Amino acid sequence: MGRVQFGGIVRPVALDFVPEAAVGDYVIVHVGFAISRVDAEEAERTYKLLEEMGGLEEEFGPEAAS
């Protein structure tokens, strides 16, 4: 198990699918499981896309999108 921070929220995440994940890595999370590692550039693109689509606010509330 690990902890991830996204949009100011910290949640526990199972690392079974990415046992090589280390502190400071970026991961894609689905239903509580980290499913892949991504580089910082990809993480930034994904975050911006979610922000543009309103996905951050929908998932984490208005404070996460700011």
PDB file of N, CA and C in Angstrom:
ATOM      1  N   MET A   1       0.847  -1.190   0.000  1.00  0.00           N
ATOM      2  CA  MET A   1       0.000   0.000   0.000  1.00  0.00           C
ATOM      3  C   MET A   1       0.889   1.249   0.000  1.00  0.00           C
ATOM      4  N   GLY A   2       0.334   2.283  -0.581  1.00  0.00           N
ATOM      5  CA  GLY A   2       1.002   3.571  -0.600  1.00  0.00           C
ATOM      6  C   GLY A   2      -0.021   4.667  -0.401  1.00  0.00           C
ATOM      7  N   ARG A   3       0.459   5.896  -0.347  1.00  0.00           N
ATOM      8  CA  ARG A   3      -0.425   7.052  -0.243  1.00  0.00           C
ATOM      9  C   ARG A   3      -0.156   7.947  -1.434  1.00  0.00           C
ATOM     10  N   VAL A   4      -1.222   8.430  -2.054  1.00  0.00           N
ATOM     11  CA  VAL A   4      -1.067   9.357  -3.169  1.00  0.00           C
ATOM     12  C   VAL A   4      -1.756  10.665  -2.842  1.00  0.00           C
ATOM     13  N   GLN A   5      -1.210  11.736  -3.406  1.00  0.00           N
ATOM     14  CA  GLN A   5      -1.814  13.058  -3.249  1.00  0.00           C
ATOM     15  C   GLN A   5      -2.258  13.515  -4.622  1.00  0.00           C
ATOM     16  N   PHE A   6      -3.500  13.980  -4.675  1.00  0.00           N
ATOM     17  CA  PHE A   6      -4.039  14.491  -5.930  1.00  0.00           C
ATOM     18  C   PHE A   6      -5.065  15.552  -5.599  1.00  0.00           C
ATOM     19  N   GLY A   7      -4.888  16.716  -6.150  1.00  0.00           N
ATOM     20  CA  GLY A   7      -5.836  17.790  -5.906  1.00  0.00           C
ATOM     21  C   GLY A   7      -5.945  18.160  -4.436  1.00  0.00           C
ATOM     22  N   GLY A   8      -4.842  18.022  -3.703  1.00  0.00           N
ATOM     23  CA  GLY A   8      -4.840  18.356  -2.287  1.00  0.00           C
ATOM     24  C   GLY A   8      -5.401  17.272  -1.388  1.00  0.00           C
ATOM     25  N   ILE A   9      -5.817  16.160  -1.953  1.00  0.00           N
ATOM     26  CA  ILE A   9      -6.380  15.046  -1.198  1.00  0.00           C
ATOM     27  C   ILE A   9      -5.344  13.926  -1.140  1.00  0.00           C
ATOM     28  N   VAL A  10      -5.188  13.312   0.031  1.00  0.00           N
ATOM     29  CA  VAL A  10      -4.290  12.165   0.178  1.00  0.00           C
ATOM     30  C   VAL A  10      -5.148  10.932   0.424  1.00  0.00           C
ATOM     31  N   ARG A  11      -4.885   9.870  -0.362  1.00  0.00           N
ATOM     32  CA  ARG A  11      -5.667   8.640  -0.235  1.00  0.00           C
ATOM     33  C   ARG A  11      -4.756   7.425  -0.269  1.00  0.00           C
ATOM     34  N   PRO A  12      -5.160   6.358   0.416  1.00  0.00           N
ATOM     35  CA  PRO A  12      -4.390   5.113   0.304  1.00  0.00           C
ATOM     36  C   PRO A  12      -4.643   4.467  -1.060  1.00  0.00           C
ATOM     37  N   VAL A  13      -3.604   3.851  -1.604  1.00  0.00           N
ATOM     38  CA  VAL A  13      -3.698   3.228  -2.922  1.00  0.00           C
ATOM     39  C   VAL A  13      -2.932   1.909  -2.893  1.00  0.00           C
ATOM     40  N   ALA A  14      -3.530   0.885  -3.462  1.00  0.00           N
ATOM     41  CA  ALA A  14      -2.851  -0.405  -3.575  1.00  0.00           C
ATOM     42  C   ALA A  14      -1.807  -0.320  -4.689  1.00  0.00           C
ATOM     43  N   LEU A  15      -0.620  -0.831  -4.426  1.00  0.00           N
ATOM     44  CA  LEU A  15       0.477  -0.768  -5.384  1.00  0.00           C
ATOM     45  C   LEU A  15       0.781  -2.132  -6.003  1.00  0.00           C
ATOM     46  N   ASP A  16      -0.153  -3.051  -5.932  1.00  0.00           N
ATOM     47  CA  ASP A  16       0.062  -4.410  -6.436  1.00  0.00           C
ATOM     48  C   ASP A  16       0.475  -4.445  -7.912  1.00  0.00           C
ATOM     49  N   PHE A  17      -0.078  -3.560  -8.726  1.00  0.00           N
ATOM     50  CA  PHE A  17       0.202  -3.566 -10.159  1.00  0.00           C
ATOM     51  C   PHE A  17       1.463  -2.800 -10.532  1.00  0.00           C
ATOM     52  N   VAL A  18       1.966  -1.977  -9.619  1.00  0.00           N
ATOM     53  CA  VAL A  18       3.204  -1.206  -9.859  1.00  0.00           C
ATOM     54  C   VAL A  18       4.111  -1.281  -8.631  1.00  0.00           C
ATOM     55  N   PRO A  19       4.600  -2.487  -8.299  1.00  0.00           N
ATOM     56  CA  PRO A  19       5.426  -2.637  -7.100  1.00  0.00           C
ATOM     57  C   PRO A  19       6.722  -1.835  -7.171  1.00  0.00           C
ATOM     58  N   GLU A  20       7.138  -1.431  -8.373  1.00  0.00           N
ATOM     59  CA  GLU A  20       8.358  -0.641  -8.526  1.00  0.00           C
ATOM     60  C   GLU A  20       8.147   0.833  -8.208  1.00  0.00           C
ATOM     61  N   ALA A  21       6.915   1.270  -7.966  1.00  0.00           N
ATOM     62  CA  ALA A  21       6.631   2.677  -7.659  1.00  0.00           C
ATOM     63  C   ALA A  21       7.351   3.078  -6.376  1.00  0.00           C
ATOM     64  N   ALA A  22       7.910   4.276  -6.408  1.00  0.00           N
ATOM     65  CA  ALA A  22       8.667   4.793  -5.265  1.00  0.00           C
ATOM     66  C   ALA A  22       8.153   6.178  -4.894  1.00  0.00           C
ATOM     67  N   VAL A  23       8.561   6.648  -3.740  1.00  0.00           N
ATOM     68  CA  VAL A  23       8.185   7.981  -3.282  1.00  0.00           C
ATOM     69  C   VAL A  23       8.588   8.990  -4.353  1.00  0.00           C
ATOM     70  N   GLY A  24       7.649   9.853  -4.717  1.00  0.00           N
ATOM     71  CA  GLY A  24       7.888  10.883  -5.711  1.00  0.00           C
ATOM     72  C   GLY A  24       7.468  10.500  -7.122  1.00  0.00           C
ATOM     73  N   ASP A  25       7.158   9.229  -7.354  1.00  0.00           N
ATOM     74  CA  ASP A  25       6.691   8.797  -8.671  1.00  0.00           C
ATOM     75  C   ASP A  25       5.263   9.259  -8.903  1.00  0.00           C
ATOM     76  N   TYR A  26       4.908   9.401 -10.172  1.00  0.00           N
ATOM     77  CA  TYR A  26       3.542   9.694 -10.572  1.00  0.00           C
ATOM     78  C   TYR A  26       2.909   8.392 -11.040  1.00  0.00           C
ATOM     79  N   VAL A  27       1.661   8.160 -10.619  1.00  0.00           N
ATOM     80  CA  VAL A  27       0.958   6.943 -11.012  1.00  0.00           C
ATOM     81  C   VAL A  27      -0.452   7.288 -11.470  1.00  0.00           C
ATOM     82  N   ILE A  28      -0.985   6.441 -12.348  1.00  0.00           N
ATOM     83  CA  ILE A  28      -2.383   6.524 -12.742  1.00  0.00           C
ATOM     84  C   ILE A  28      -3.148   5.612 -11.786  1.00  0.00           C
ATOM     85  N   VAL A  29      -4.220   6.136 -11.171  1.00  0.00           N
ATOM     86  CA  VAL A  29      -4.986   5.379 -10.182  1.00  0.00           C
ATOM     87  C   VAL A  29      -6.407   5.167 -10.690  1.00  0.00           C
ATOM     88  N   HIS A  30      -6.881   3.948 -10.525  1.00  0.00           N
ATOM     89  CA  HIS A  30      -8.261   3.614 -10.881  1.00  0.00           C
ATOM     90  C   HIS A  30      -8.833   2.756  -9.765  1.00  0.00           C
ATOM     91  N   VAL A  31      -9.959   3.173  -9.229  1.00  0.00           N
ATOM     92  CA  VAL A  31     -10.679   2.505  -8.136  1.00  0.00           C
ATOM     93  C   VAL A  31      -9.757   2.018  -7.022  1.00  0.00           C
ATOM     94  N   GLY A  32      -8.828   2.885  -6.615  1.00  0.00           N
ATOM     95  CA  GLY A  32      -7.980   2.584  -5.471  1.00  0.00           C
ATOM     96  C   GLY A  32      -6.728   1.787  -5.776  1.00  0.00           C
ATOM     97  N   PHE A  33      -6.473   1.499  -7.053  1.00  0.00           N
ATOM     98  CA  PHE A  33      -5.269   0.770  -7.458  1.00  0.00           C
ATOM     99  C   PHE A  33      -4.420   1.628  -8.380  1.00  0.00           C
ATOM    100  N   ALA A  34      -3.138   1.738  -8.077  1.00  0.00           N
ATOM    101  CA  ALA A  34      -2.211   2.349  -9.020  1.00  0.00           C
ATOM    102  C   ALA A  34      -2.035   1.347 -10.149  1.00  0.00           C
ATOM    103  N   ILE A  35      -2.290   1.778 -11.388  1.00  0.00           N
ATOM    104  CA  ILE A  35      -2.246   0.818 -12.492  1.00  0.00           C
ATOM    105  C   ILE A  35      -1.051   1.030 -13.422  1.00  0.00           C
ATOM    106  N   SER A  36      -0.400   2.190 -13.345  1.00  0.00           N
ATOM    107  CA  SER A  36       0.817   2.394 -14.124  1.00  0.00           C
ATOM    108  C   SER A  36       1.555   3.627 -13.614  1.00  0.00           C
ATOM    109  N   ARG A  37       2.860   3.639 -13.861  1.00  0.00           N
ATOM    110  CA  ARG A  37       3.674   4.817 -13.563  1.00  0.00           C
ATOM    111  C   ARG A  37       3.724   5.682 -14.807  1.00  0.00           C
ATOM    112  N   VAL A  38       3.797   6.992 -14.604  1.00  0.00           N
ATOM    113  CA  VAL A  38       3.958   7.928 -15.718  1.00  0.00           C
ATOM    114  C   VAL A  38       5.020   8.949 -15.336  1.00  0.00           C
ATOM    115  N   ASP A  39       5.625   9.574 -16.351  1.00  0.00           N
ATOM    116  CA  ASP A  39       6.615  10.597 -16.057  1.00  0.00           C
ATOM    117  C   ASP A  39       5.909  11.911 -15.699  1.00  0.00           C
ATOM    118  N   ALA A  40       6.684  12.854 -15.205  1.00  0.00           N
ATOM    119  CA  ALA A  40       6.117  14.126 -14.749  1.00  0.00           C
ATOM    120  C   ALA A  40       5.403  14.873 -15.864  1.00  0.00           C
ATOM    121  N   GLU A  41       5.945  14.794 -17.078  1.00  0.00           N
ATOM    122  CA  GLU A  41       5.327  15.482 -18.214  1.00  0.00           C
ATOM    123  C   GLU A  41       3.930  14.921 -18.509  1.00  0.00           C
ATOM    124  N   GLU A  42       3.817  13.609 -18.526  1.00  0.00           N
ATOM    125  CA  GLU A  42       2.517  12.972 -18.767  1.00  0.00           C
ATOM    126  C   GLU A  42       1.543  13.272 -17.622  1.00  0.00           C
ATOM    127  N   ALA A  43       2.036  13.275 -16.402  1.00  0.00           N
ATOM    128  CA  ALA A  43       1.188  13.586 -15.250  1.00  0.00           C
ATOM    129  C   ALA A  43       0.625  15.004 -15.364  1.00  0.00           C
ATOM    130  N   GLU A  44       1.457  15.946 -15.773  1.00  0.00           N
ATOM    131  CA  GLU A  44       1.018  17.335 -15.938  1.00  0.00           C
ATOM    132  C   GLU A  44      -0.042  17.449 -17.035  1.00  0.00           C
ATOM    133  N   ARG A  45       0.194  16.787 -18.169  1.00  0.00           N
ATOM    134  CA  ARG A  45      -0.789  16.816 -19.262  1.00  0.00           C
ATOM    135  C   ARG A  45      -2.132  16.233 -18.812  1.00  0.00           C
ATOM    136  N   THR A  46      -2.079  15.125 -18.093  1.00  0.00           N
ATOM    137  CA  THR A  46      -3.306  14.478 -17.621  1.00  0.00           C
ATOM    138  C   THR A  46      -4.046  15.374 -16.644  1.00  0.00           C
ATOM    139  N   TYR A  47      -3.315  15.994 -15.714  1.00  0.00           N
ATOM    140  CA  TYR A  47      -3.930  16.890 -14.734  1.00  0.00           C
ATOM    141  C   TYR A  47      -4.621  18.061 -15.436  1.00  0.00           C
ATOM    142  N   LYS A  48      -3.933  18.659 -16.412  1.00  0.00           N
ATOM    143  CA  LYS A  48      -4.520  19.796 -17.135  1.00  0.00           C
ATOM    144  C   LYS A  48      -5.767  19.377 -17.907  1.00  0.00           C
ATOM    145  N   LEU A  49      -5.719  18.210 -18.513  1.00  0.00           N
ATOM    146  CA  LEU A  49      -6.878  17.713 -19.248  1.00  0.00           C
ATOM    147  C   LEU A  49      -8.072  17.508 -18.316  1.00  0.00           C
ATOM    148  N   LEU A  50      -7.836  16.891 -17.174  1.00  0.00           N
ATOM    149  CA  LEU A  50      -8.916  16.691 -16.199  1.00  0.00           C
ATOM    150  C   LEU A  50      -9.474  18.026 -15.719  1.00  0.00           C
ATOM    151  N   GLU A  51      -8.580  18.981 -15.507  1.00  0.00           N
ATOM    152  CA  GLU A  51      -8.997  20.314 -15.078  1.00  0.00           C
ATOM    153  C   GLU A  51      -9.889  20.963 -16.130  1.00  0.00           C
ATOM    154  N   GLU A  52      -9.486  20.883 -17.403  1.00  0.00           N
ATOM    155  CA  GLU A  52     -10.263  21.473 -18.493  1.00  0.00           C
ATOM    156  C   GLU A  52     -11.630  20.819 -18.642  1.00  0.00           C
ATOM    157  N   MET A  53     -11.694  19.521 -18.401  1.00  0.00           N
ATOM    158  CA  MET A  53     -12.945  18.780 -18.539  1.00  0.00           C
ATOM    159  C   MET A  53     -13.856  18.924 -17.315  1.00  0.00           C
ATOM    160  N   GLY A  54     -13.359  19.549 -16.251  1.00  0.00           N
ATOM    161  CA  GLY A  54     -14.142  19.684 -15.036  1.00  0.00           C
ATOM    162  C   GLY A  54     -14.099  18.440 -14.168  1.00  0.00           C
ATOM    163  N   GLY A  55     -13.237  17.497 -14.499  1.00  0.00           N
ATOM    164  CA  GLY A  55     -13.153  16.243 -13.754  1.00  0.00           C
ATOM    165  C   GLY A  55     -12.608  16.390 -12.358  1.00  0.00           C
ATOM    166  N   LEU A  56     -11.758  17.367 -12.134  1.00  0.00           N
ATOM    167  CA  LEU A  56     -11.203  17.560 -10.795  1.00  0.00           C
ATOM    168  C   LEU A  56     -12.271  18.044  -9.831  1.00  0.00           C
ATOM    169  N   GLU A  57     -13.029  19.036 -10.260  1.00  0.00           N
ATOM    170  CA  GLU A  57     -14.083  19.580  -9.414  1.00  0.00           C
ATOM    171  C   GLU A  57     -15.149  18.523  -9.141  1.00  0.00           C
ATOM    172  N   GLU A  58     -15.475  17.760 -10.166  1.00  0.00           N
ATOM    173  CA  GLU A  58     -16.485  16.720 -10.017  1.00  0.00           C
ATOM    174  C   GLU A  58     -16.058  15.659  -8.995  1.00  0.00           C
ATOM    175  N   GLU A  59     -14.793  15.290  -9.033  1.00  0.00           N
ATOM    176  CA  GLU A  59     -14.289  14.227  -8.154  1.00  0.00           C
ATOM    177  C   GLU A  59     -13.944  14.731  -6.754  1.00  0.00           C
ATOM    178  N   PHE A  60     -13.281  15.923  -6.676  1.00  0.00           N
ATOM    179  CA  PHE A  60     -12.726  16.378  -5.409  1.00  0.00           C
ATOM    180  C   PHE A  60     -13.325  17.656  -4.863  1.00  0.00           C
ATOM    181  N   GLY A  61     -14.228  18.290  -5.577  1.00  0.00           N
ATOM    182  CA  GLY A  61     -14.829  19.533  -5.111  1.00  0.00           C
ATOM    183  C   GLY A  61     -14.147  20.739  -5.715  1.00  0.00           C
ATOM    184  N   PRO A  62     -14.741  21.916  -5.566  1.00  0.00           N
ATOM    185  CA  PRO A  62     -14.245  23.130  -6.222  1.00  0.00           C
ATOM    186  C   PRO A  62     -12.825  23.518  -5.814  1.00  0.00           C
ATOM    187  N   GLU A  63     -12.400  23.248  -4.577  1.00  0.00           N
ATOM    188  CA  GLU A  63     -11.072  23.640  -4.135  1.00  0.00           C
ATOM    189  C   GLU A  63      -9.970  22.852  -4.853  1.00  0.00           C
ATOM    190  N   ALA A  64     -10.243  21.674  -5.361  1.00  0.00           N
ATOM    191  CA  ALA A  64      -9.237  20.873  -6.052  1.00  0.00           C
ATOM    192  C   ALA A  64      -8.915  21.436  -7.425  1.00  0.00           C
ATOM    193  N   ALA A  65      -9.841  22.082  -8.037  1.00  0.00           N
ATOM    194  CA  ALA A  65      -9.645  22.600  -9.396  1.00  0.00           C
ATOM    195  C   ALA A  65      -8.888  23.920  -9.408  1.00  0.00           C
ATOM    196  N   SER A  66      -8.616  24.490  -8.260  1.00  0.00           N
ATOM    197  CA  SER A  66      -7.922  25.790  -8.240  1.00  0.00           C
ATOM    198  C   SER A  66      -6.455  25.638  -7.976  1.00  0.00           C
TER     199      SER A  66
END
